[in-house]
Full PDB file with SEQRES, HELIX, SHEET, SSBOND, CRYST1, ORIGX, SCALE, CONECT and MASTER records, all heavy atoms in Angstrom:
SEQRES   1 A   42  GLU ALA ALA LYS THR LYS ARG ALA LEU LEU THR ARG PHE          
SEQRES   2 A   42  LEU GLN GLU LYS LEU SER GLN GLU GLU GLN SER SER LEU          
SEQRES   3 A   42  TRP GLY LEU HIS LYS VAL ARG THR LEU TRP ARG SER ALA          
SEQRES   4 A   42  GLN ARG LYS                                                  
HELIX    1 AA1 ALA A    2  ARG A   41  1                                  40    
CRYST1    1.000    1.000    1.000  90.00  90.00  90.00 P 1           1          
ORIGX1      1.000000  0.000000  0.000000        0.00000                         
ORIGX2      0.000000  1.000000  0.000000        0.00000                         
ORIGX3      0.000000  0.000000  1.000000        0.00000                         
SCALE1      1.000000  0.000000  0.000000        0.00000                         
SCALE2      0.000000  1.000000  0.000000        0.00000                         
SCALE3      0.000000  0.000000  1.000000        0.00000                         
ATOM      1  N   GLU A   1     -26.555 -12.382  -9.224  1.00  0.00           N  
ATOM      2  CA  GLU A   1     -25.265 -12.923  -9.678  1.00  0.00           C  
ATOM      3  C   GLU A   1     -24.368 -11.787 -10.166  1.00  0.00           C  
ATOM      4  O   GLU A   1     -23.173 -11.742  -9.861  1.00  0.00           O  
ATOM      5  CB  GLU A   1     -25.471 -13.955 -10.807  1.00  0.00           C  
ATOM      6  CG  GLU A   1     -25.968 -15.311 -10.339  1.00  0.00           C  
ATOM      7  CD  GLU A   1     -24.989 -16.026  -9.433  1.00  0.00           C  
ATOM      8  OE1 GLU A   1     -23.752 -15.963  -9.697  1.00  0.00           O  
ATOM      9  OE2 GLU A   1     -25.421 -16.609  -8.426  1.00  0.00           O  
ATOM     10  N   ALA A   2     -24.982 -10.867 -10.938  1.00  0.00           N  
ATOM     11  CA  ALA A   2     -24.208  -9.724 -11.450  1.00  0.00           C  
ATOM     12  C   ALA A   2     -23.705  -8.879 -10.272  1.00  0.00           C  
ATOM     13  O   ALA A   2     -22.553  -8.423 -10.260  1.00  0.00           O  
ATOM     14  CB  ALA A   2     -25.055  -8.871 -12.393  1.00  0.00           C  
ATOM     15  N   ALA A   3     -24.607  -8.675  -9.263  1.00  0.00           N  
ATOM     16  CA  ALA A   3     -24.206  -7.890  -8.089  1.00  0.00           C  
ATOM     17  C   ALA A   3     -23.096  -8.615  -7.329  1.00  0.00           C  
ATOM     18  O   ALA A   3     -22.130  -8.001  -6.861  1.00  0.00           O  
ATOM     19  CB  ALA A   3     -25.408  -7.642  -7.181  1.00  0.00           C  
ATOM     20  N   LYS A   4     -23.210  -9.950  -7.227  1.00  0.00           N  
ATOM     21  CA  LYS A   4     -22.188 -10.748  -6.548  1.00  0.00           C  
ATOM     22  C   LYS A   4     -20.857 -10.621  -7.277  1.00  0.00           C  
ATOM     23  O   LYS A   4     -19.804 -10.414  -6.674  1.00  0.00           O  
ATOM     24  CB  LYS A   4     -22.611 -12.230  -6.532  1.00  0.00           C  
ATOM     25  CG  LYS A   4     -22.999 -12.751  -5.196  1.00  0.00           C  
ATOM     26  CD  LYS A   4     -23.148 -14.270  -5.305  1.00  0.00           C  
ATOM     27  CE  LYS A   4     -24.160 -14.758  -4.297  1.00  0.00           C  
ATOM     28  NZ  LYS A   4     -24.388 -16.181  -4.390  1.00  0.00           N  
ATOM     29  N   THR A   5     -20.927 -10.785  -8.617  1.00  0.00           N  
ATOM     30  CA  THR A   5     -19.717 -10.668  -9.426  1.00  0.00           C  
ATOM     31  C   THR A   5     -19.118  -9.278  -9.280  1.00  0.00           C  
ATOM     32  O   THR A   5     -17.905  -9.114  -9.126  1.00  0.00           O  
ATOM     33  CB  THR A   5     -20.050 -10.945 -10.910  1.00  0.00           C  
ATOM     34  OG1 THR A   5     -20.703 -12.203 -11.011  1.00  0.00           O  
ATOM     35  CG2 THR A   5     -18.808 -10.942 -11.762  1.00  0.00           C  
ATOM     36  N   LYS A   6     -20.015  -8.269  -9.307  1.00  0.00           N  
ATOM     37  CA  LYS A   6     -19.543  -6.893  -9.158  1.00  0.00           C  
ATOM     38  C   LYS A   6     -18.897  -6.686  -7.790  1.00  0.00           C  
ATOM     39  O   LYS A   6     -17.842  -6.074  -7.679  1.00  0.00           O  
ATOM     40  CB  LYS A   6     -20.742  -5.942  -9.336  1.00  0.00           C  
ATOM     41  CG  LYS A   6     -20.364  -4.517  -9.540  1.00  0.00           C  
ATOM     42  CD  LYS A   6     -21.611  -3.690  -9.859  1.00  0.00           C  
ATOM     43  CE  LYS A   6     -21.243  -2.250 -10.109  1.00  0.00           C  
ATOM     44  NZ  LYS A   6     -22.404  -1.437 -10.415  1.00  0.00           N  
ATOM     45  N   ARG A   7     -19.561  -7.240  -6.737  1.00  0.00           N  
ATOM     46  CA  ARG A   7     -18.991  -7.139  -5.383  1.00  0.00           C  
ATOM     47  C   ARG A   7     -17.646  -7.847  -5.305  1.00  0.00           C  
ATOM     48  O   ARG A   7     -16.687  -7.347  -4.703  1.00  0.00           O  
ATOM     49  CB  ARG A   7     -19.960  -7.719  -4.356  1.00  0.00           C  
ATOM     50  CG  ARG A   7     -21.007  -6.747  -3.877  1.00  0.00           C  
ATOM     51  CD  ARG A   7     -21.678  -7.219  -2.594  1.00  0.00           C  
ATOM     52  NE  ARG A   7     -22.262  -8.556  -2.676  1.00  0.00           N  
ATOM     53  CZ  ARG A   7     -23.501  -8.832  -3.042  1.00  0.00           C  
ATOM     54  NH1 ARG A   7     -24.325  -7.855  -3.368  1.00  0.00           N  
ATOM     55  NH2 ARG A   7     -23.918 -10.061  -3.081  1.00  0.00           N  
ATOM     56  N   ALA A   8     -17.542  -9.050  -5.932  1.00  0.00           N  
ATOM     57  CA  ALA A   8     -16.293  -9.800  -5.916  1.00  0.00           C  
ATOM     58  C   ALA A   8     -15.193  -9.005  -6.623  1.00  0.00           C  
ATOM     59  O   ALA A   8     -14.062  -8.903  -6.140  1.00  0.00           O  
ATOM     60  CB  ALA A   8     -16.481 -11.164  -6.573  1.00  0.00           C  
ATOM     61  N   LEU A   9     -15.548  -8.427  -7.802  1.00  0.00           N  
ATOM     62  CA  LEU A   9     -14.573  -7.621  -8.534  1.00  0.00           C  
ATOM     63  C   LEU A   9     -14.145  -6.404  -7.705  1.00  0.00           C  
ATOM     64  O   LEU A   9     -12.961  -6.073  -7.620  1.00  0.00           O  
ATOM     65  CB  LEU A   9     -15.165  -7.157  -9.872  1.00  0.00           C  
ATOM     66  CG  LEU A   9     -15.193  -8.195 -10.985  1.00  0.00           C  
ATOM     67  CD1 LEU A   9     -15.981  -7.661 -12.190  1.00  0.00           C  
ATOM     68  CD2 LEU A   9     -13.783  -8.564 -11.418  1.00  0.00           C  
ATOM     69  N   LEU A  10     -15.147  -5.751  -7.105  1.00  0.00           N  
ATOM     70  CA  LEU A  10     -14.859  -4.570  -6.281  1.00  0.00           C  
ATOM     71  C   LEU A  10     -14.004  -4.948  -5.076  1.00  0.00           C  
ATOM     72  O   LEU A  10     -13.043  -4.247  -4.742  1.00  0.00           O  
ATOM     73  CB  LEU A  10     -16.183  -3.923  -5.833  1.00  0.00           C  
ATOM     74  CG  LEU A  10     -16.061  -2.587  -5.121  1.00  0.00           C  
ATOM     75  CD1 LEU A  10     -15.423  -1.557  -6.026  1.00  0.00           C  
ATOM     76  CD2 LEU A  10     -17.435  -2.099  -4.671  1.00  0.00           C  
ATOM     77  N   THR A  11     -14.335  -6.091  -4.452  1.00  0.00           N  
ATOM     78  CA  THR A  11     -13.562  -6.566  -3.301  1.00  0.00           C  
ATOM     79  C   THR A  11     -12.127  -6.860  -3.716  1.00  0.00           C  
ATOM     80  O   THR A  11     -11.158  -6.449  -3.039  1.00  0.00           O  
ATOM     81  CB  THR A  11     -14.198  -7.832  -2.706  1.00  0.00           C  
ATOM     82  OG1 THR A  11     -15.534  -7.540  -2.314  1.00  0.00           O  
ATOM     83  CG2 THR A  11     -13.419  -8.343  -1.512  1.00  0.00           C  
ATOM     84  N   ARG A  12     -11.968  -7.561  -4.865  1.00  0.00           N  
ATOM     85  CA  ARG A  12     -10.628  -7.878  -5.341  1.00  0.00           C  
ATOM     86  C   ARG A  12      -9.861  -6.589  -5.681  1.00  0.00           C  
ATOM     87  O   ARG A  12      -8.694  -6.432  -5.348  1.00  0.00           O  
ATOM     88  CB  ARG A  12     -10.692  -8.797  -6.553  1.00  0.00           C  
ATOM     89  CG  ARG A  12      -9.326  -9.342  -6.909  1.00  0.00           C  
ATOM     90  CD  ARG A  12      -9.397 -10.461  -7.903  1.00  0.00           C  
ATOM     91  NE  ARG A  12     -10.402 -10.174  -8.937  1.00  0.00           N  
ATOM     92  CZ  ARG A  12     -10.684 -10.968  -9.951  1.00  0.00           C  
ATOM     93  NH1 ARG A  12     -10.053 -12.089 -10.074  1.00  0.00           N  
ATOM     94  NH2 ARG A  12     -11.581 -10.656 -10.833  1.00  0.00           N  
ATOM     95  N   PHE A  13     -10.558  -5.631  -6.333  1.00  0.00           N  
ATOM     96  CA  PHE A  13      -9.921  -4.356  -6.669  1.00  0.00           C  
ATOM     97  C   PHE A  13      -9.468  -3.629  -5.394  1.00  0.00           C  
ATOM     98  O   PHE A  13      -8.341  -3.134  -5.311  1.00  0.00           O  
ATOM     99  CB  PHE A  13     -10.908  -3.488  -7.462  1.00  0.00           C  
ATOM    100  CG  PHE A  13     -10.411  -2.093  -7.686  1.00  0.00           C  
ATOM    101  CD1 PHE A  13      -9.437  -1.826  -8.642  1.00  0.00           C  
ATOM    102  CD2 PHE A  13     -10.900  -1.037  -6.931  1.00  0.00           C  
ATOM    103  CE1 PHE A  13      -8.981  -0.543  -8.837  1.00  0.00           C  
ATOM    104  CE2 PHE A  13     -10.443   0.245  -7.123  1.00  0.00           C  
ATOM    105  CZ  PHE A  13      -9.478   0.506  -8.088  1.00  0.00           C  
ATOM    106  N   LEU A  14     -10.357  -3.627  -4.392  1.00  0.00           N  
ATOM    107  CA  LEU A  14     -10.024  -2.935  -3.148  1.00  0.00           C  
ATOM    108  C   LEU A  14      -8.874  -3.645  -2.412  1.00  0.00           C  
ATOM    109  O   LEU A  14      -8.003  -2.992  -1.828  1.00  0.00           O  
ATOM    110  CB  LEU A  14     -11.252  -2.833  -2.245  1.00  0.00           C  
ATOM    111  CG  LEU A  14     -12.323  -1.836  -2.713  1.00  0.00           C  
ATOM    112  CD1 LEU A  14     -13.547  -1.902  -1.807  1.00  0.00           C  
ATOM    113  CD2 LEU A  14     -11.761  -0.432  -2.729  1.00  0.00           C  
ATOM    114  N   GLN A  15      -8.893  -4.997  -2.467  1.00  0.00           N  
ATOM    115  CA  GLN A  15      -7.793  -5.735  -1.831  1.00  0.00           C  
ATOM    116  C   GLN A  15      -6.465  -5.435  -2.524  1.00  0.00           C  
ATOM    117  O   GLN A  15      -5.435  -5.235  -1.872  1.00  0.00           O  
ATOM    118  CB  GLN A  15      -8.089  -7.238  -1.861  1.00  0.00           C  
ATOM    119  CG  GLN A  15      -9.091  -7.659  -0.814  1.00  0.00           C  
ATOM    120  CD  GLN A  15      -9.451  -9.142  -0.921  1.00  0.00           C  
ATOM    121  OE1 GLN A  15      -9.164  -9.782  -1.935  1.00  0.00           O  
ATOM    122  NE2 GLN A  15     -10.083  -9.672   0.116  1.00  0.00           N  
ATOM    123  N   GLU A  16      -6.482  -5.418  -3.869  1.00  0.00           N  
ATOM    124  CA  GLU A  16      -5.259  -5.092  -4.607  1.00  0.00           C  
ATOM    125  C   GLU A  16      -4.810  -3.666  -4.290  1.00  0.00           C  
ATOM    126  O   GLU A  16      -3.629  -3.404  -4.095  1.00  0.00           O  
ATOM    127  CB  GLU A  16      -5.485  -5.259  -6.115  1.00  0.00           C  
ATOM    128  CG  GLU A  16      -5.541  -6.704  -6.549  1.00  0.00           C  
ATOM    129  CD  GLU A  16      -5.860  -6.852  -8.035  1.00  0.00           C  
ATOM    130  OE1 GLU A  16      -5.923  -5.817  -8.740  1.00  0.00           O  
ATOM    131  OE2 GLU A  16      -6.050  -7.991  -8.473  1.00  0.00           O  
ATOM    132  N   LYS A  17      -5.805  -2.765  -4.266  1.00  0.00           N  
ATOM    133  CA  LYS A  17      -5.490  -1.369  -3.947  1.00  0.00           C  
ATOM    134  C   LYS A  17      -4.900  -1.273  -2.529  1.00  0.00           C  
ATOM    135  O   LYS A  17      -3.911  -0.566  -2.303  1.00  0.00           O  
ATOM    136  CB  LYS A  17      -6.777  -0.532  -4.050  1.00  0.00           C  
ATOM    137  CG  LYS A  17      -6.596   0.933  -3.888  1.00  0.00           C  
ATOM    138  CD  LYS A  17      -6.013   1.529  -5.148  1.00  0.00           C  
ATOM    139  CE  LYS A  17      -6.006   3.039  -5.018  1.00  0.00           C  
ATOM    140  NZ  LYS A  17      -5.038   3.644  -5.928  1.00  0.00           N  
ATOM    141  N   LEU A  18      -5.497  -2.017  -1.571  1.00  0.00           N  
ATOM    142  CA  LEU A  18      -4.993  -2.026  -0.199  1.00  0.00           C  
ATOM    143  C   LEU A  18      -3.574  -2.595  -0.151  1.00  0.00           C  
ATOM    144  O   LEU A  18      -2.690  -2.043   0.525  1.00  0.00           O  
ATOM    145  CB  LEU A  18      -5.926  -2.845   0.698  1.00  0.00           C  
ATOM    146  CG  LEU A  18      -5.514  -2.949   2.164  1.00  0.00           C  
ATOM    147  CD1 LEU A  18      -5.542  -1.581   2.829  1.00  0.00           C  
ATOM    148  CD2 LEU A  18      -6.412  -3.924   2.911  1.00  0.00           C  
ATOM    149  N   SER A  19      -3.341  -3.682  -0.889  1.00  0.00           N  
ATOM    150  CA  SER A  19      -2.017  -4.292  -0.927  1.00  0.00           C  
ATOM    151  C   SER A  19      -0.997  -3.304  -1.506  1.00  0.00           C  
ATOM    152  O   SER A  19       0.102  -3.134  -0.976  1.00  0.00           O  
ATOM    153  CB  SER A  19      -2.063  -5.569  -1.769  1.00  0.00           C  
ATOM    154  OG  SER A  19      -0.772  -6.099  -1.917  1.00  0.00           O  
ATOM    155  N   GLN A  20      -1.395  -2.637  -2.611  1.00  0.00           N  
ATOM    156  CA  GLN A  20      -0.500  -1.628  -3.206  1.00  0.00           C  
ATOM    157  C   GLN A  20      -0.230  -0.494  -2.221  1.00  0.00           C  
ATOM    158  O   GLN A  20       0.905  -0.023  -2.092  1.00  0.00           O  
ATOM    159  CB  GLN A  20      -1.116  -1.055  -4.491  1.00  0.00           C  
ATOM    160  CG  GLN A  20      -1.080  -2.004  -5.669  1.00  0.00           C  
ATOM    161  CD  GLN A  20      -1.812  -1.430  -6.870  1.00  0.00           C  
ATOM    162  OE1 GLN A  20      -2.413  -0.362  -6.801  1.00  0.00           O  
ATOM    163  NE2 GLN A  20      -1.777  -2.167  -7.980  1.00  0.00           N  
ATOM    164  N   GLU A  21      -1.264  -0.056  -1.536  1.00  0.00           N  
ATOM    165  CA  GLU A  21      -1.093   1.030  -0.554  1.00  0.00           C  
ATOM    166  C   GLU A  21      -0.181   0.586   0.582  1.00  0.00           C  
ATOM    167  O   GLU A  21       0.649   1.363   1.060  1.00  0.00           O  
ATOM    168  CB  GLU A  21      -2.452   1.477  -0.002  1.00  0.00           C  
ATOM    169  CG  GLU A  21      -3.278   2.297  -0.960  1.00  0.00           C  
ATOM    170  CD  GLU A  21      -2.606   3.609  -1.326  1.00  0.00           C  
ATOM    171  OE1 GLU A  21      -1.995   4.250  -0.442  1.00  0.00           O  
ATOM    172  OE2 GLU A  21      -2.656   3.986  -2.512  1.00  0.00           O  
ATOM    173  N   GLU A  22      -0.349  -0.688   1.039  1.00  0.00           N  
ATOM    174  CA  GLU A  22       0.528  -1.198   2.094  1.00  0.00           C  
ATOM    175  C   GLU A  22       1.977  -1.231   1.625  1.00  0.00           C  
ATOM    176  O   GLU A  22       2.889  -0.801   2.340  1.00  0.00           O  
ATOM    177  CB  GLU A  22       0.075  -2.595   2.537  1.00  0.00           C  
ATOM    178  CG  GLU A  22      -1.158  -2.583   3.414  1.00  0.00           C  
ATOM    179  CD  GLU A  22      -1.646  -3.992   3.749  1.00  0.00           C  
ATOM    180  OE1 GLU A  22      -1.147  -4.961   3.129  1.00  0.00           O  
ATOM    181  OE2 GLU A  22      -2.511  -4.116   4.630  1.00  0.00           O  
ATOM    182  N   GLN A  23       2.200  -1.724   0.392  1.00  0.00           N  
ATOM    183  CA  GLN A  23       3.560  -1.749  -0.155  1.00  0.00           C  
ATOM    184  C   GLN A  23       4.111  -0.332  -0.305  1.00  0.00           C  
ATOM    185  O   GLN A  23       5.260  -0.061   0.045  1.00  0.00           O  
ATOM    186  CB  GLN A  23       3.578  -2.466  -1.516  1.00  0.00           C  
ATOM    187  CG  GLN A  23       3.436  -3.965  -1.393  1.00  0.00           C  
ATOM    188  CD  GLN A  23       3.435  -4.651  -2.751  1.00  0.00           C  
ATOM    189  OE1 GLN A  23       3.401  -3.985  -3.783  1.00  0.00           O  
ATOM    190  NE2 GLN A  23       3.446  -5.982  -2.741  1.00  0.00           N  
ATOM    191  N   SER A  24       3.268   0.541  -0.801  1.00  0.00           N  
ATOM    192  CA  SER A  24       3.685   1.944  -0.954  1.00  0.00           C  
ATOM    193  C   SER A  24       4.000   2.563   0.404  1.00  0.00           C  
ATOM    194  O   SER A  24       4.971   3.298   0.569  1.00  0.00           O  
ATOM    195  CB  SER A  24       2.570   2.724  -1.663  1.00  0.00           C  
ATOM    196  OG  SER A  24       2.903   4.076  -1.759  1.00  0.00           O  
ATOM    197  N   SER A  25       3.154   2.229   1.388  1.00  0.00           N  
ATOM    198  CA  SER A  25       3.367   2.736   2.735  1.00  0.00           C  
ATOM    199  C   SER A  25       4.676   2.204   3.319  1.00  0.00           C  
ATOM    200  O   SER A  25       5.451   2.954   3.922  1.00  0.00           O  
ATOM    201  CB  SER A  25       2.186   2.340   3.622  1.00  0.00           C  
ATOM    202  OG  SER A  25       2.433   2.705   4.953  1.00  0.00           O  
ATOM    203  N   LEU A  26       4.912   0.890   3.113  1.00  0.00           N  
ATOM    204  CA  LEU A  26       6.163   0.302   3.597  1.00  0.00           C  
ATOM    205  C   LEU A  26       7.365   0.949   2.909  1.00  0.00           C  
ATOM    206  O   LEU A  26       8.366   1.272   3.544  1.00  0.00           O  
ATOM    207  CB  LEU A  26       6.183  -1.210   3.346  1.00  0.00           C  
ATOM    208  CG  LEU A  26       5.322  -2.056   4.285  1.00  0.00           C  
ATOM    209  CD1 LEU A  26       5.320  -3.505   3.829  1.00  0.00           C  
ATOM    210  CD2 LEU A  26       5.834  -1.945   5.709  1.00  0.00           C  
ATOM    211  N   TRP A  27       7.252   1.164   1.585  1.00  0.00           N  
ATOM    212  CA  TRP A  27       8.345   1.796   0.840  1.00  0.00           C  
ATOM    213  C   TRP A  27       8.573   3.229   1.334  1.00  0.00           C  
ATOM    214  O   TRP A  27       9.702   3.664   1.528  1.00  0.00           O  
ATOM    215  CB  TRP A  27       8.025   1.763  -0.645  1.00  0.00           C  
ATOM    216  CG  TRP A  27       9.070   2.409  -1.496  1.00  0.00           C  
ATOM    217  CD1 TRP A  27       8.939   3.510  -2.249  1.00  0.00           C  
ATOM    218  CD2 TRP A  27      10.426   1.984  -1.663  1.00  0.00           C  
ATOM    219  NE1 TRP A  27      10.113   3.822  -2.882  1.00  0.00           N  
ATOM    220  CE2 TRP A  27      11.050   2.888  -2.528  1.00  0.00           C  
ATOM    221  CE3 TRP A  27      11.178   0.946  -1.147  1.00  0.00           C  
ATOM    222  CZ2 TRP A  27      12.381   2.790  -2.906  1.00  0.00           C  
ATOM    223  CZ3 TRP A  27      12.513   0.845  -1.527  1.00  0.00           C  
ATOM    224  CH2 TRP A  27      13.095   1.752  -2.390  1.00  0.00           C  
ATOM    225  N   GLY A  28       7.463   3.938   1.557  1.00  0.00           N  
ATOM    226  CA  GLY A  28       7.566   5.306   2.078  1.00  0.00           C  
ATOM    227  C   GLY A  28       8.189   5.321   3.466  1.00  0.00           C  
ATOM    228  O   GLY A  28       9.036   6.170   3.767  1.00  0.00           O  
ATOM    229  N   LEU A  29       7.782   4.374   4.316  1.00  0.00           N  
ATOM    230  CA  LEU A  29       8.347   4.276   5.666  1.00  0.00           C  
ATOM    231  C   LEU A  29       9.840   3.968   5.594  1.00  0.00           C  
ATOM    232  O   LEU A  29      10.646   4.557   6.327  1.00  0.00           O  
ATOM    233  CB  LEU A  29       7.616   3.181   6.453  1.00  0.00           C  
ATOM    234  CG  LEU A  29       7.989   3.034   7.927  1.00  0.00           C  
ATOM    235  CD1 LEU A  29       7.680   4.318   8.685  1.00  0.00           C  
ATOM    236  CD2 LEU A  29       7.242   1.860   8.546  1.00  0.00           C  
ATOM    237  N   HIS A  30      10.203   3.074   4.653  1.00  0.00           N  
ATOM    238  CA  HIS A  30      11.622   2.755   4.458  1.00  0.00           C  
ATOM    239  C   HIS A  30      12.393   4.010   4.028  1.00  0.00           C  
ATOM    240  O   HIS A  30      13.480   4.289   4.544  1.00  0.00           O  
ATOM    241  CB  HIS A  30      11.762   1.652   3.407  1.00  0.00           C  
ATOM    242  CG  HIS A  30      13.177   1.333   3.052  1.00  0.00           C  
ATOM    243  ND1 HIS A  30      14.039   0.705   3.920  1.00  0.00           N  
ATOM    244  CD2 HIS A  30      13.898   1.577   1.920  1.00  0.00           C  
ATOM    245  CE1 HIS A  30      15.219   0.578   3.345  1.00  0.00           C  
ATOM    246  NE2 HIS A  30      15.165   1.101   2.137  1.00  0.00           N  
ATOM    247  N   LYS A  31      11.812   4.773   3.106  1.00  0.00           N  
ATOM    248  CA  LYS A  31      12.455   6.015   2.649  1.00  0.00           C  
ATOM    249  C   LYS A  31      12.606   7.002   3.802  1.00  0.00           C  
ATOM    250  O   LYS A  31      13.664   7.610   3.984  1.00  0.00           O  
ATOM    251  CB  LYS A  31      11.625   6.673   1.539  1.00  0.00           C  
ATOM    252  CG  LYS A  31      11.886   6.165   0.169  1.00  0.00           C  
ATOM    253  CD  LYS A  31      11.110   7.016  -0.822  1.00  0.00           C  
ATOM    254  CE  LYS A  31      11.377   6.605  -2.238  1.00  0.00           C  
ATOM    255  NZ  LYS A  31      10.589   7.404  -3.182  1.00  0.00           N  
ATOM    256  N   VAL A  32      11.538   7.138   4.591  1.00  0.00           N  
ATOM    257  CA  VAL A  32      11.582   8.069   5.729  1.00  0.00           C  
ATOM    258  C   VAL A  32      12.658   7.632   6.721  1.00  0.00           C  
ATOM    259  O   VAL A  32      13.444   8.460   7.203  1.00  0.00           O  
ATOM    260  CB  VAL A  32      10.195   8.152   6.410  1.00  0.00           C  
ATOM    261  CG1 VAL A  32      10.281   8.834   7.758  1.00  0.00           C  
ATOM    262  CG2 VAL A  32       9.209   8.883   5.511  1.00  0.00           C  
ATOM    263  N   ARG A  33      12.698   6.327   7.030  1.00  0.00           N  
ATOM    264  CA  ARG A  33      13.725   5.834   7.967  1.00  0.00           C  
ATOM    265  C   ARG A  33      15.130   6.069   7.418  1.00  0.00           C  
ATOM    266  O   ARG A  33      16.035   6.465   8.148  1.00  0.00           O  
ATOM    267  CB  ARG A  33      13.514   4.349   8.237  1.00  0.00           C  
ATOM    268  CG  ARG A  33      12.374   4.071   9.173  1.00  0.00           C  
ATOM    269  CD  ARG A  33      12.243   2.597   9.461  1.00  0.00           C  
ATOM    270  NE  ARG A  33      11.132   2.344  10.367  1.00  0.00           N  
ATOM    271  CZ  ARG A  33      10.490   1.197  10.446  1.00  0.00           C  
ATOM    272  NH1 ARG A  33      10.860   0.188   9.670  1.00  0.00           N  
ATOM    273  NH2 ARG A  33       9.498   1.048  11.291  1.00  0.00           N  
ATOM    274  N   THR A  34      15.307   5.815   6.116  1.00  0.00           N  
ATOM    275  CA  THR A  34      16.614   6.026   5.492  1.00  0.00           C  
ATOM    276  C   THR A  34      17.013   7.498   5.585  1.00  0.00           C  
ATOM    277  O   THR A  34      18.148   7.825   5.956  1.00  0.00           O  
ATOM    278  CB  THR A  34      16.588   5.580   4.016  1.00  0.00           C  
ATOM    279  OG1 THR A  34      16.186   4.213   3.948  1.00  0.00           O  
ATOM    280  CG2 THR A  34      17.942   5.746   3.375  1.00  0.00           C  
ATOM    281  N   LEU A  35      16.079   8.390   5.262  1.00  0.00           N  
ATOM    282  CA  LEU A  35      16.375   9.821   5.336  1.00  0.00           C  
ATOM    283  C   LEU A  35      16.657  10.244   6.780  1.00  0.00           C  
ATOM    284  O   LEU A  35      17.559  11.062   7.034  1.00  0.00           O  
ATOM    285  CB  LEU A  35      15.207  10.639   4.765  1.00  0.00           C  
ATOM    286  CG  LEU A  35      15.045  10.565   3.240  1.00  0.00           C  
ATOM    287  CD1 LEU A  35      13.757  11.234   2.812  1.00  0.00           C  
ATOM    288  CD2 LEU A  35      16.230  11.208   2.547  1.00  0.00           C  
ATOM    289  N   TRP A  36      15.896   9.693   7.717  1.00  0.00           N  
ATOM    290  CA  TRP A  36      16.104  10.035   9.135  1.00  0.00           C  
ATOM    291  C   TRP A  36      17.492   9.575   9.595  1.00  0.00           C  
ATOM    292  O   TRP A  36      18.221  10.316  10.247  1.00  0.00           O  
ATOM    293  CB  TRP A  36      15.006   9.387   9.979  1.00  0.00           C  
ATOM    294  CG  TRP A  36      15.194   9.560  11.454  1.00  0.00           C  
ATOM    295  CD1 TRP A  36      15.468   8.591  12.359  1.00  0.00           C  
ATOM    296  CD2 TRP A  36      15.158  10.779  12.191  1.00  0.00           C  
ATOM    297  NE1 TRP A  36      15.600   9.116  13.596  1.00  0.00           N  
ATOM    298  CE2 TRP A  36      15.405  10.469  13.542  1.00  0.00           C  
ATOM    299  CE3 TRP A  36      14.941  12.115  11.851  1.00  0.00           C  
ATOM    300  CZ2 TRP A  36      15.448  11.433  14.539  1.00  0.00           C  
ATOM    301  CZ3 TRP A  36      14.978  13.067  12.845  1.00  0.00           C  
ATOM    302  CH2 TRP A  36      15.234  12.730  14.170  1.00  0.00           C  
ATOM    303  N   ARG A  37      17.851   8.333   9.216  1.00  0.00           N  
ATOM    304  CA  ARG A  37      19.184   7.842   9.580  1.00  0.00           C  
ATOM    305  C   ARG A  37      20.280   8.697   8.943  1.00  0.00           C  
ATOM    306  O   ARG A  37      21.290   8.988   9.572  1.00  0.00           O  
ATOM    307  CB  ARG A  37      19.343   6.389   9.149  1.00  0.00           C  
ATOM    308  CG  ARG A  37      18.573   5.425  10.024  1.00  0.00           C  
ATOM    309  CD  ARG A  37      18.842   3.981   9.631  1.00  0.00           C  
ATOM    310  NE  ARG A  37      17.966   3.088  10.369  1.00  0.00           N  
ATOM    311  CZ  ARG A  37      17.267   2.102   9.830  1.00  0.00           C  
ATOM    312  NH1 ARG A  37      17.366   1.879   8.530  1.00  0.00           N  
ATOM    313  NH2 ARG A  37      16.491   1.345  10.565  1.00  0.00           N  
ATOM    314  N   SER A  38      20.051   9.072   7.695  1.00  0.00           N  
ATOM    315  CA  SER A  38      21.030   9.927   7.009  1.00  0.00           C  
ATOM    316  C   SER A  38      21.171  11.263   7.739  1.00  0.00           C  
ATOM    317  O   SER A  38      22.294  11.748   7.948  1.00  0.00           O  
ATOM    318  CB  SER A  38      20.586  10.147   5.563  1.00  0.00           C  
ATOM    319  OG  SER A  38      21.439  11.046   4.922  1.00  0.00           O  
ATOM    320  N   ALA A  39      20.041  11.837   8.140  1.00  0.00           N  
ATOM    321  CA  ALA A  39      20.083  13.109   8.875  1.00  0.00           C  
ATOM    322  C   ALA A  39      20.799  12.930  10.212  1.00  0.00           C  
ATOM    323  O   ALA A  39      21.604  13.785  10.614  1.00  0.00           O  
ATOM    324  CB  ALA A  39      18.665  13.636   9.092  1.00  0.00           C  
ATOM    325  N   GLN A  40      20.514  11.822  10.895  1.00  0.00           N  
ATOM    326  CA  GLN A  40      21.188  11.559  12.170  1.00  0.00           C  
ATOM    327  C   GLN A  40      22.694  11.370  11.969  1.00  0.00           C  
ATOM    328  O   GLN A  40      23.504  11.867  12.751  1.00  0.00           O  
ATOM    329  CB  GLN A  40      20.607  10.308  12.838  1.00  0.00           C  
ATOM    330  CG  GLN A  40      19.273  10.553  13.511  1.00  0.00           C  
ATOM    331  CD  GLN A  40      18.760   9.310  14.219  1.00  0.00           C  
ATOM    332  OE1 GLN A  40      18.900   8.201  13.726  1.00  0.00           O  
ATOM    333  NE2 GLN A  40      18.157   9.499  15.367  1.00  0.00           N  
ATOM    334  N   ARG A  41      23.076  10.654  10.897  1.00  0.00           N  
ATOM    335  CA  ARG A  41      24.501  10.457  10.604  1.00  0.00           C  
ATOM    336  C   ARG A  41      25.183  11.795  10.349  1.00  0.00           C  
ATOM    337  O   ARG A  41      26.295  12.033  10.825  1.00  0.00           O  
ATOM    338  CB  ARG A  41      24.678   9.547   9.393  1.00  0.00           C  
ATOM    339  CG  ARG A  41      24.497   8.087   9.706  1.00  0.00           C  
ATOM    340  CD  ARG A  41      24.912   7.208   8.517  1.00  0.00           C  
ATOM    341  NE  ARG A  41      24.394   5.878   8.695  1.00  0.00           N  
ATOM    342  CZ  ARG A  41      23.404   5.343   7.972  1.00  0.00           C  
ATOM    343  NH1 ARG A  41      22.865   6.030   6.992  1.00  0.00           N  
ATOM    344  NH2 ARG A  41      22.974   4.127   8.219  1.00  0.00           N  
ATOM    345  N   LYS A  42      24.514  12.646   9.578  1.00  0.00           N  
ATOM    346  CA  LYS A  42      25.098  13.963   9.288  1.00  0.00           C  
ATOM    347  C   LYS A  42      25.277  14.764  10.565  1.00  0.00           C  
ATOM    348  O   LYS A  42      26.311  15.396  10.779  1.00  0.00           O  
ATOM    349  CB  LYS A  42      24.223  14.733   8.302  1.00  0.00           C  
ATOM    350  CG  LYS A  42      24.362  14.279   6.880  1.00  0.00           C  
ATOM    351  CD  LYS A  42      23.486  15.091   5.942  1.00  0.00           C  
ATOM    352  CE  LYS A  42      23.556  14.557   4.523  1.00  0.00           C  
ATOM    353  NZ  LYS A  42      22.633  15.243   3.630  1.00  0.00           N  
TER     354      LYS A  42                                                      
MASTER        0    0    0    1    0    0    0    6  353    1    0    4          
END                                                                             
């Protein structure tokens, strides 16, 4: 039960971490696209 709980906590932590990384990745991609468009405009 403790191992299950630990696995569930670890799974939830990893899912949250993955979600944060995806959001961070999307934000970074948005920043890169914005900078690229700005460079193209210039």
